[in-house]
């Protein structure tokens, strides 16, 4: 589950 959250954060940070 940690990897899933990390992936979400990665995409969010890239969009920022």
N, C-alpha and C. Protein backbone atom coordinates (compact mmCIF):
# COMPACT_ATOMS: atom_id res chain seq x y z
N UNK A 1 0.84 -1.20 0.00
CA UNK A 1 0.00 0.00 0.00
C UNK A 1 0.87 1.26 0.00
N UNK A 2 2.05 1.15 0.57
CA UNK A 2 2.94 2.32 0.62
C UNK A 2 3.35 2.74 -0.79
N UNK A 3 3.57 1.74 -1.65
CA UNK A 3 3.99 2.06 -3.01
C UNK A 3 2.87 2.80 -3.75
N UNK A 4 1.64 2.43 -3.46
CA UNK A 4 0.52 3.07 -4.13
C UNK A 4 0.45 4.55 -3.76
N UNK A 5 0.62 4.82 -2.49
CA UNK A 5 0.59 6.21 -2.01
C UNK A 5 1.76 6.99 -2.60
N UNK A 6 2.91 6.35 -2.64
CA UNK A 6 4.10 7.01 -3.19
C UNK A 6 3.86 7.37 -4.66
N UNK A 7 3.25 6.48 -5.38
CA UNK A 7 2.98 6.72 -6.80
C UNK A 7 2.04 7.92 -6.95
N UNK A 8 1.07 7.99 -6.11
CA UNK A 8 0.12 9.09 -6.16
C UNK A 8 0.85 10.41 -5.89
N UNK A 9 1.68 10.41 -4.87
CA UNK A 9 2.42 11.62 -4.52
C UNK A 9 3.36 12.02 -5.64
N UNK A 10 3.96 11.03 -6.27
CA UNK A 10 4.90 11.29 -7.37
C UNK A 10 4.17 12.01 -8.50
N UNK A 11 3.01 11.54 -8.84
CA UNK A 11 2.25 12.15 -9.93
C UNK A 11 1.78 13.55 -9.53
N UNK A 12 1.43 13.71 -8.29
CA UNK A 12 0.97 15.02 -7.82
C UNK A 12 2.11 16.02 -7.85
N UNK A 13 3.28 15.59 -7.39
CA UNK A 13 4.44 16.48 -7.36
C UNK A 13 4.87 16.85 -8.78
N UNK A 14 4.73 15.92 -9.70
CA UNK A 14 5.13 16.18 -11.08
C UNK A 14 4.17 17.18 -11.73
N UNK A 15 2.93 17.16 -11.29
CA UNK A 15 1.93 18.08 -11.84
C UNK A 15 2.11 19.49 -11.28
N UNK A 16 2.63 19.57 -10.09
CA UNK A 16 2.81 20.87 -9.44
C UNK A 16 3.67 21.80 -10.28
